[in-house]
Amino acid sequence: MLIVDRFEGEYAVCEDSETLAVRNIPKVLLPKGLREGDCLLEREGDYVIDAGETLRRRRKARELLEKLY
């Protein structure tokens, strides 16, 4: 699974959650509406947003922040 770290020009900088390798993927290859922090799955050369995993990670991050404050 890939996690969108940031956007730089025409690329999305993504981190592979297993290997921690960073990949620059042209935005034109990615789904519309993609945001920083979204999780992506690569299927047969296409990229799809993993909405369930994205939501799970955002909730976990929110919970951790709430514990700090």
C-alpha atoms as a PDB file:
ATOM      1  CA  MET A   1       0.000   0.000   0.000  1.00  0.00           C
ATOM      2  CA  LEU A   2       1.131   3.534  -0.762  1.00  0.00           C
ATOM      3  CA  ILE A   3       0.472   6.574   1.402  1.00  0.00           C
ATOM      4  CA  VAL A   4       0.447  10.035  -0.164  1.00  0.00           C
ATOM      5  CA  ASP A   5       2.946  12.168   1.733  1.00  0.00           C
ATOM      6  CA  ARG A   6       2.778  15.354  -0.342  1.00  0.00           C
ATOM      7  CA  PHE A   7       2.475  16.815  -3.804  1.00  0.00           C
ATOM      8  CA  GLU A   8       5.427  18.353  -5.627  1.00  0.00           C
ATOM      9  CA  GLY A   9       4.642  19.908  -8.978  1.00  0.00           C
ATOM     10  CA  GLU A  10       3.180  17.252 -11.245  1.00  0.00           C
ATOM     11  CA  TYR A  11       3.989  14.390  -8.863  1.00  0.00           C
ATOM     12  CA  ALA A  12       2.563  12.807  -5.740  1.00  0.00           C
ATOM     13  CA  VAL A  13       5.304  11.725  -3.351  1.00  0.00           C
ATOM     14  CA  CYS A  14       4.158   8.418  -1.883  1.00  0.00           C
ATOM     15  CA  GLU A  15       5.651   6.117   0.721  1.00  0.00           C
ATOM     16  CA  ASP A  16       5.323   2.362   0.504  1.00  0.00           C
ATOM     17  CA  SER A  17       3.961   1.306   3.906  1.00  0.00           C
ATOM     18  CA  GLU A  18       5.862  -2.000   3.859  1.00  0.00           C
ATOM     19  CA  THR A  19       9.291  -1.057   2.522  1.00  0.00           C
ATOM     20  CA  LEU A  20       9.225   2.684   3.409  1.00  0.00           C
ATOM     21  CA  ALA A  21      10.552   3.356  -0.095  1.00  0.00           C
ATOM     22  CA  VAL A  22       9.498   6.687  -1.595  1.00  0.00           C
ATOM     23  CA  ARG A  23       7.976   6.847  -5.077  1.00  0.00           C
ATOM     24  CA  ASN A  24       7.158   9.868  -7.203  1.00  0.00           C
ATOM     25  CA  ILE A  25       4.019   9.098  -9.186  1.00  0.00           C
ATOM     26  CA  PRO A  26       2.716  11.437 -11.902  1.00  0.00           C
ATOM     27  CA  LYS A  27      -0.584  12.992 -10.793  1.00  0.00           C
ATOM     28  CA  VAL A  28      -2.169  12.182 -14.155  1.00  0.00           C
ATOM     29  CA  LEU A  29      -2.009   8.476 -13.234  1.00  0.00           C
ATOM     30  CA  LEU A  30      -3.803   8.952  -9.924  1.00  0.00           C
ATOM     31  CA  PRO A  31      -7.502   9.221  -9.040  1.00  0.00           C
ATOM     32  CA  LYS A  32      -9.163  12.644  -8.984  1.00  0.00           C
ATOM     33  CA  GLY A  33      -9.658  14.137  -5.533  1.00  0.00           C
ATOM     34  CA  LEU A  34      -6.572  12.477  -4.048  1.00  0.00           C
ATOM     35  CA  ARG A  35      -5.333  14.201  -0.886  1.00  0.00           C
ATOM     36  CA  GLU A  36      -2.292  14.066   1.347  1.00  0.00           C
ATOM     37  CA  GLY A  37      -2.601  11.150   3.744  1.00  0.00           C
ATOM     38  CA  ASP A  38      -4.758   9.059   1.408  1.00  0.00           C
ATOM     39  CA  CYS A  39      -3.903   5.375   1.037  1.00  0.00           C
ATOM     40  CA  LEU A  40      -3.527   3.950  -2.451  1.00  0.00           C
ATOM     41  CA  LEU A  41      -3.623   0.447  -3.810  1.00  0.00           C
ATOM     42  CA  GLU A  42      -1.973  -0.419  -7.111  1.00  0.00           C
ATOM     43  CA  ARG A  43      -4.045  -2.868  -9.136  1.00  0.00           C
ATOM     44  CA  GLU A  44      -2.973  -3.977 -12.581  1.00  0.00           C
ATOM     45  CA  GLY A  45      -1.200  -0.706 -13.267  1.00  0.00           C
ATOM     46  CA  ASP A  46      -4.035   1.474 -11.974  1.00  0.00           C
ATOM     47  CA  TYR A  47      -4.199   3.275  -8.651  1.00  0.00           C
ATOM     48  CA  VAL A  48      -7.302   3.309  -6.450  1.00  0.00           C
ATOM     49  CA  ILE A  49      -7.922   5.043  -3.154  1.00  0.00           C
ATOM     50  CA  ASP A  50      -8.344   2.636  -0.253  1.00  0.00           C
ATOM     51  CA  ALA A  51     -11.058   4.656   1.492  1.00  0.00           C
ATOM     52  CA  GLY A  52     -11.410   2.229   4.402  1.00  0.00           C
ATOM     53  CA  GLU A  53      -7.723   2.245   5.275  1.00  0.00           C
ATOM     54  CA  THR A  54      -7.501   6.011   4.808  1.00  0.00           C
ATOM     55  CA  LEU A  55     -10.379   6.508   7.240  1.00  0.00           C
ATOM     56  CA  ARG A  56      -8.902   4.072   9.755  1.00  0.00           C
ATOM     57  CA  ARG A  57      -5.543   5.867   9.720  1.00  0.00           C
ATOM     58  CA  ARG A  58      -7.134   9.321  10.047  1.00  0.00           C
ATOM     59  CA  ARG A  59      -9.206   8.162  13.032  1.00  0.00           C
ATOM     60  CA  LYS A  60      -6.166   6.650  14.712  1.00  0.00           C
ATOM     61  CA  ALA A  61      -4.170   9.869  14.196  1.00  0.00           C
ATOM     62  CA  ARG A  62      -7.054  11.918  15.628  1.00  0.00           C
ATOM     63  CA  GLU A  63      -7.264   9.621  18.672  1.00  0.00           C
ATOM     64  CA  LEU A  64      -3.538   9.949  19.306  1.00  0.00           C
ATOM     65  CA  LEU A  65      -3.734  13.746  19.074  1.00  0.00           C
ATOM     66  CA  GLU A  66      -6.668  13.834  21.477  1.00  0.00           C
ATOM     67  CA  LYS A  67      -4.658  11.815  24.010  1.00  0.00           C
ATOM     68  CA  LEU A  68      -1.882  14.407  23.852  1.00  0.00           C
ATOM     69  CA  TYR A  69      -4.220  17.291  24.622  1.00  0.00           C
END
